[in-house]
N, C-alpha and C. Protein backbone atom coordinates (compact mmCIF):
# COMPACT_ATOMS: atom_id res chain seq x y z
N MET A 1 33.96 -72.46 -53.68
CA MET A 1 34.66 -73.69 -53.06
C MET A 1 33.80 -74.49 -52.24
N GLY A 2 33.52 -75.59 -52.43
CA GLY A 2 32.74 -76.27 -51.53
C GLY A 2 33.17 -76.80 -50.19
N THR A 3 32.23 -77.08 -49.32
CA THR A 3 32.69 -77.34 -47.95
C THR A 3 32.06 -78.67 -47.61
N CYS A 4 32.54 -79.73 -46.87
CA CYS A 4 32.11 -80.94 -46.60
C CYS A 4 31.28 -80.53 -45.30
N VAL A 5 30.23 -81.39 -45.19
CA VAL A 5 29.36 -81.25 -44.04
C VAL A 5 29.91 -82.45 -42.98
N SER A 6 30.73 -81.93 -41.66
CA SER A 6 31.40 -83.04 -40.92
C SER A 6 30.20 -83.61 -40.19
N GLU A 7 30.66 -85.06 -39.55
CA GLU A 7 29.80 -85.68 -38.57
C GLU A 7 29.46 -84.62 -37.46
N LYS A 8 30.09 -84.04 -36.93
CA LYS A 8 29.73 -82.93 -35.69
C LYS A 8 28.78 -82.12 -36.17
N ASP A 9 28.60 -81.57 -37.08
CA ASP A 9 27.70 -80.60 -37.77
C ASP A 9 26.33 -81.30 -37.66
N LYS A 10 26.44 -82.48 -38.44
CA LYS A 10 25.06 -83.33 -38.49
C LYS A 10 24.67 -83.93 -37.26
N THR A 11 25.58 -84.14 -36.17
CA THR A 11 25.06 -84.68 -34.68
C THR A 11 24.34 -83.38 -34.31
N GLU A 12 25.05 -82.24 -34.32
CA GLU A 12 24.50 -81.00 -33.69
C GLU A 12 23.30 -80.49 -34.49
N THR A 13 22.81 -80.63 -35.61
CA THR A 13 21.60 -80.58 -36.50
C THR A 13 20.63 -81.28 -35.88
N THR A 14 20.85 -82.68 -35.63
CA THR A 14 19.81 -83.53 -35.33
C THR A 14 19.39 -83.30 -33.79
N PHE A 15 20.24 -82.97 -33.11
CA PHE A 15 20.11 -82.64 -31.56
C PHE A 15 19.39 -81.36 -31.54
N LEU A 16 19.69 -80.42 -32.30
CA LEU A 16 18.95 -79.36 -32.40
C LEU A 16 17.44 -79.62 -32.69
N ALA A 17 17.07 -80.34 -33.58
CA ALA A 17 15.65 -80.54 -34.25
C ALA A 17 15.06 -81.47 -33.09
N PHE A 18 15.73 -82.10 -32.46
CA PHE A 18 15.42 -83.22 -31.20
C PHE A 18 14.89 -82.09 -29.98
N THR A 19 15.55 -81.29 -29.94
CA THR A 19 15.44 -80.46 -28.71
C THR A 19 14.44 -79.49 -29.27
N ARG A 20 14.18 -78.82 -30.32
CA ARG A 20 13.09 -78.14 -30.78
C ARG A 20 11.65 -78.91 -30.71
N THR A 21 11.69 -79.96 -31.08
CA THR A 21 10.62 -80.94 -31.04
C THR A 21 10.19 -81.05 -29.61
N LEU A 22 11.18 -81.46 -28.81
CA LEU A 22 11.00 -81.66 -27.41
C LEU A 22 10.21 -80.46 -26.70
N LEU A 23 10.65 -79.27 -26.91
CA LEU A 23 10.12 -78.04 -26.59
C LEU A 23 8.78 -77.50 -26.99
N LYS A 24 8.66 -78.02 -28.21
CA LYS A 24 7.42 -77.89 -28.69
C LYS A 24 6.26 -78.74 -27.95
N SER A 25 6.74 -80.07 -27.72
CA SER A 25 5.58 -80.94 -27.14
C SER A 25 5.46 -80.64 -25.65
N PHE A 26 6.43 -80.06 -24.92
CA PHE A 26 6.04 -79.71 -23.83
C PHE A 26 5.43 -78.52 -23.67
N VAL A 27 5.73 -77.46 -24.42
CA VAL A 27 4.64 -76.11 -24.41
C VAL A 27 3.39 -76.62 -24.87
N LEU A 28 3.13 -77.60 -25.52
CA LEU A 28 1.74 -77.89 -26.00
C LEU A 28 1.22 -78.62 -25.06
N LEU A 29 1.75 -79.53 -24.35
CA LEU A 29 1.08 -80.11 -23.17
C LEU A 29 0.82 -79.50 -22.06
N VAL A 30 1.66 -78.52 -21.74
CA VAL A 30 1.59 -77.44 -20.44
C VAL A 30 -0.03 -76.50 -20.75
N VAL A 31 0.19 -76.21 -22.37
CA VAL A 31 -1.21 -75.35 -22.49
C VAL A 31 -2.42 -75.91 -22.47
N VAL A 32 -2.28 -77.51 -22.80
CA VAL A 32 -3.50 -78.29 -22.75
C VAL A 32 -3.72 -78.38 -21.28
N CYS A 33 -3.15 -78.72 -20.61
CA CYS A 33 -3.15 -78.89 -19.00
C CYS A 33 -3.69 -77.69 -18.58
N MET A 34 -3.26 -76.65 -18.80
CA MET A 34 -3.48 -75.37 -18.13
C MET A 34 -5.23 -74.81 -18.49
N THR A 35 -5.52 -75.23 -19.86
CA THR A 35 -6.73 -74.88 -20.36
C THR A 35 -7.75 -75.92 -19.75
N ILE A 36 -7.22 -77.26 -19.37
CA ILE A 36 -8.07 -78.02 -18.78
C ILE A 36 -8.42 -77.36 -17.31
N SER A 37 -7.37 -76.93 -16.70
CA SER A 37 -7.64 -76.46 -15.50
C SER A 37 -8.58 -75.27 -15.43
N LEU A 38 -8.01 -74.66 -16.36
CA LEU A 38 -8.89 -73.13 -16.19
C LEU A 38 -10.43 -73.44 -16.58
N LYS A 39 -10.78 -74.42 -17.29
CA LYS A 39 -12.04 -74.88 -17.48
C LYS A 39 -12.74 -75.45 -16.24
N ASN A 40 -11.86 -76.26 -15.59
CA ASN A 40 -12.50 -77.10 -14.25
C ASN A 40 -12.61 -75.97 -13.15
N ARG A 41 -11.90 -75.00 -13.25
CA ARG A 41 -11.98 -74.20 -11.92
C ARG A 41 -12.89 -72.99 -12.11
N LEU A 42 -13.05 -72.41 -13.46
CA LEU A 42 -13.77 -71.31 -13.81
C LEU A 42 -15.28 -71.46 -14.31
N ILE A 43 -15.28 -72.88 -15.08
CA ILE A 43 -16.61 -72.90 -15.63
C ILE A 43 -17.31 -74.19 -15.00
N THR A 44 -18.29 -73.62 -14.04
CA THR A 44 -19.26 -74.39 -13.05
C THR A 44 -20.56 -74.14 -13.64
N PRO A 45 -21.56 -74.97 -12.86
CA PRO A 45 -22.82 -74.77 -13.31
C PRO A 45 -23.39 -73.27 -12.64
N ASP A 46 -22.67 -72.85 -11.62
CA ASP A 46 -23.24 -71.55 -11.21
C ASP A 46 -22.17 -70.54 -11.59
N THR A 47 -21.49 -70.68 -12.91
CA THR A 47 -20.52 -69.58 -12.99
C THR A 47 -21.44 -68.41 -13.58
N THR A 48 -20.44 -67.02 -13.23
CA THR A 48 -20.75 -65.68 -13.65
C THR A 48 -20.22 -65.38 -15.02
N LEU A 49 -20.95 -64.38 -15.54
CA LEU A 49 -20.15 -63.62 -16.71
C LEU A 49 -18.78 -63.29 -16.55
N PHE A 50 -18.43 -62.79 -15.23
CA PHE A 50 -16.73 -62.46 -15.25
C PHE A 50 -15.85 -63.83 -15.48
N TYR A 51 -16.39 -64.91 -14.75
CA TYR A 51 -15.59 -65.82 -14.65
C TYR A 51 -15.58 -66.47 -16.08
N MET A 52 -16.51 -66.49 -16.82
CA MET A 52 -16.85 -66.82 -18.28
C MET A 52 -15.63 -66.04 -19.26
N ALA A 53 -15.73 -64.47 -18.95
CA ALA A 53 -14.92 -63.66 -19.62
C ALA A 53 -13.61 -64.01 -19.42
N LEU A 54 -13.17 -64.40 -18.09
CA LEU A 54 -11.67 -64.77 -17.30
C LEU A 54 -11.33 -65.66 -18.22
N PHE A 55 -12.26 -66.96 -18.45
CA PHE A 55 -12.06 -68.19 -18.96
C PHE A 55 -11.52 -67.89 -20.61
N VAL A 56 -12.33 -67.00 -21.17
CA VAL A 56 -12.00 -66.56 -22.58
C VAL A 56 -10.81 -66.05 -22.78
N ILE A 57 -10.52 -65.18 -21.85
CA ILE A 57 -9.09 -64.54 -21.96
C ILE A 57 -8.18 -65.14 -21.87
N GLY A 58 -8.16 -66.08 -20.80
CA GLY A 58 -6.92 -66.80 -20.55
C GLY A 58 -6.68 -67.84 -21.47
N THR A 59 -8.02 -68.39 -21.95
CA THR A 59 -7.81 -69.40 -23.28
C THR A 59 -6.99 -68.79 -24.50
N THR A 60 -7.61 -67.52 -24.76
CA THR A 60 -7.07 -66.69 -25.99
C THR A 60 -5.36 -66.47 -25.97
N VAL A 61 -5.08 -66.19 -24.53
CA VAL A 61 -3.66 -66.01 -24.21
C VAL A 61 -2.95 -67.61 -24.45
N LEU A 62 -3.57 -68.65 -23.77
CA LEU A 62 -2.76 -69.93 -24.19
C LEU A 62 -2.68 -70.37 -25.58
N PHE A 63 -3.88 -70.10 -26.53
CA PHE A 63 -3.82 -70.51 -27.89
C PHE A 63 -2.87 -69.38 -28.40
N ALA A 64 -2.63 -68.37 -28.25
CA ALA A 64 -1.93 -67.25 -28.83
C ALA A 64 -0.30 -67.79 -28.59
N ILE A 65 -0.04 -68.64 -27.50
CA ILE A 65 1.18 -69.50 -27.18
C ILE A 65 1.35 -70.50 -28.32
N VAL A 66 0.30 -71.19 -28.40
CA VAL A 66 0.29 -72.50 -29.12
C VAL A 66 0.53 -71.89 -30.70
N GLY A 67 -0.16 -70.92 -31.03
CA GLY A 67 -0.08 -70.15 -32.59
C GLY A 67 1.77 -69.63 -32.60
N ILE A 68 2.26 -69.24 -31.69
CA ILE A 68 3.54 -68.89 -31.91
C ILE A 68 4.38 -70.21 -31.75
N ILE A 69 4.22 -70.95 -31.10
CA ILE A 69 4.94 -72.06 -31.34
C ILE A 69 5.02 -73.09 -32.46
N ASP A 70 3.54 -73.21 -32.72
CA ASP A 70 3.44 -74.09 -33.97
C ASP A 70 2.10 -73.75 -34.80
N SER A 71 2.24 -73.14 -35.69
CA SER A 71 1.09 -72.53 -36.47
C SER A 71 0.22 -73.64 -37.09
N TYR A 72 0.78 -74.70 -37.43
CA TYR A 72 -0.08 -75.88 -37.97
C TYR A 72 -1.13 -76.67 -36.87
N VAL A 73 -0.15 -76.74 -35.55
CA VAL A 73 -1.16 -77.23 -34.65
C VAL A 73 -2.23 -76.36 -34.26
N PHE A 74 -2.13 -75.03 -34.43
CA PHE A 74 -2.76 -73.92 -33.81
C PHE A 74 -4.07 -74.04 -34.93
N SER A 75 -3.73 -74.25 -36.32
CA SER A 75 -4.82 -73.98 -37.17
C SER A 75 -5.88 -75.49 -37.01
N ASN A 76 -5.07 -76.70 -36.71
CA ASN A 76 -5.82 -77.59 -36.65
C ASN A 76 -6.75 -77.54 -35.26
N LEU A 77 -6.20 -77.07 -34.31
CA LEU A 77 -6.93 -76.90 -33.15
C LEU A 77 -8.02 -75.89 -33.19
N ILE A 78 -7.92 -74.78 -33.76
CA ILE A 78 -8.99 -73.96 -34.11
C ILE A 78 -10.11 -74.52 -35.19
N LEU A 79 -9.56 -75.36 -35.94
CA LEU A 79 -10.64 -76.19 -36.99
C LEU A 79 -11.58 -77.13 -35.96
N GLY A 80 -10.83 -77.79 -35.01
CA GLY A 80 -11.55 -78.67 -34.12
C GLY A 80 -12.38 -77.98 -33.20
N ILE A 81 -12.21 -76.80 -32.76
CA ILE A 81 -13.01 -76.01 -31.95
C ILE A 81 -14.40 -75.66 -32.73
N GLY A 82 -13.95 -75.20 -33.93
CA GLY A 82 -15.17 -74.75 -34.84
C GLY A 82 -16.06 -76.19 -35.16
N LEU A 83 -15.55 -77.36 -35.58
CA LEU A 83 -16.28 -78.56 -35.89
C LEU A 83 -17.07 -78.94 -34.57
N ALA A 84 -16.61 -78.74 -33.33
CA ALA A 84 -17.30 -79.08 -32.02
C ALA A 84 -18.33 -78.30 -32.09
N LEU A 85 -18.06 -76.94 -31.88
CA LEU A 85 -19.25 -75.80 -31.78
C LEU A 85 -20.19 -76.21 -32.81
N GLY A 86 -20.21 -76.23 -33.98
CA GLY A 86 -20.85 -76.53 -35.28
C GLY A 86 -21.61 -77.93 -34.71
N LEU A 87 -21.04 -78.90 -34.38
CA LEU A 87 -21.69 -80.08 -33.93
C LEU A 87 -22.76 -79.94 -32.75
N GLN A 88 -22.20 -79.14 -32.09
CA GLN A 88 -22.98 -78.82 -30.62
C GLN A 88 -24.36 -78.13 -31.00
N LEU A 89 -24.05 -76.98 -32.10
CA LEU A 89 -25.37 -76.21 -32.60
C LEU A 89 -26.11 -77.18 -33.29
N MET A 90 -25.78 -77.97 -34.11
CA MET A 90 -26.66 -79.08 -34.92
C MET A 90 -27.19 -80.30 -34.09
N ASP A 91 -26.93 -80.24 -32.86
CA ASP A 91 -27.61 -81.27 -32.20
C ASP A 91 -29.04 -81.33 -32.02
N TRP A 92 -29.47 -82.09 -32.67
CA TRP A 92 -31.05 -82.03 -32.61
C TRP A 92 -31.69 -83.07 -31.99
N ARG A 93 -30.95 -83.94 -31.09
CA ARG A 93 -31.40 -84.90 -30.10
C ARG A 93 -32.38 -84.47 -29.25
N SER A 94 -32.36 -83.29 -28.66
CA SER A 94 -33.06 -82.78 -27.44
C SER A 94 -34.15 -82.18 -28.19
N ALA A 95 -34.48 -81.84 -29.39
CA ALA A 95 -35.39 -81.16 -30.02
C ALA A 95 -36.18 -82.23 -30.51
N VAL A 96 -35.78 -83.17 -31.18
CA VAL A 96 -36.41 -84.39 -31.36
C VAL A 96 -37.02 -85.25 -30.42
N ASN A 97 -36.35 -85.16 -29.40
CA ASN A 97 -37.04 -86.03 -28.06
C ASN A 97 -38.30 -85.15 -27.45
N SER A 98 -38.09 -83.96 -27.45
CA SER A 98 -38.94 -83.19 -26.77
C SER A 98 -40.52 -83.13 -27.71
N ALA A 99 -40.00 -83.15 -29.01
CA ALA A 99 -41.15 -83.22 -30.24
C ALA A 99 -42.01 -84.53 -30.00
N SER A 100 -41.04 -85.73 -29.96
CA SER A 100 -41.73 -86.83 -29.75
C SER A 100 -42.59 -87.18 -28.52
N GLN A 101 -42.02 -86.50 -27.34
CA GLN A 101 -42.84 -86.46 -26.28
C GLN A 101 -44.25 -85.71 -26.49
N ASN A 102 -43.91 -84.67 -26.99
CA ASN A 102 -45.19 -83.81 -27.19
C ASN A 102 -46.40 -84.65 -28.02
N ILE A 103 -45.77 -85.20 -29.03
CA ILE A 103 -46.75 -86.24 -29.86
C ILE A 103 -47.55 -86.99 -29.09
N THR A 104 -46.59 -87.81 -28.22
CA THR A 104 -47.21 -88.82 -27.70
C THR A 104 -48.20 -88.38 -26.29
N ASN A 105 -47.96 -87.25 -25.82
CA ASN A 105 -48.76 -86.75 -24.81
C ASN A 105 -49.83 -86.15 -25.56
N ALA A 106 -50.08 -85.83 -26.54
CA ALA A 106 -51.18 -85.41 -27.65
C ALA A 106 -51.80 -86.56 -27.68
N LEU A 107 -51.46 -87.60 -28.10
CA LEU A 107 -52.32 -88.74 -28.45
C LEU A 107 -53.04 -89.43 -27.17
């Protein structure tokens, strides 16, 4: 026997979807702000290994929260971090500049 979807059920479903999206957005923004705050407080030019480890542990916990909330955003976030690290490792500008200075100094 079939049942009809009433307007009330449709409204509640829409409201629940809106609430879920709102909660996800709020949690993601809080995690981003907390990660930036951790970076600004813990990573300084004279940082120690302890503060670096504390930053890694704190960021891991925050990223775990993102992974629980939305796995798609977590996957894209990790992909972006990997891309940024790869581009940072492949940054040959400083090596090229020092090599060109060595050549000009030799001449």
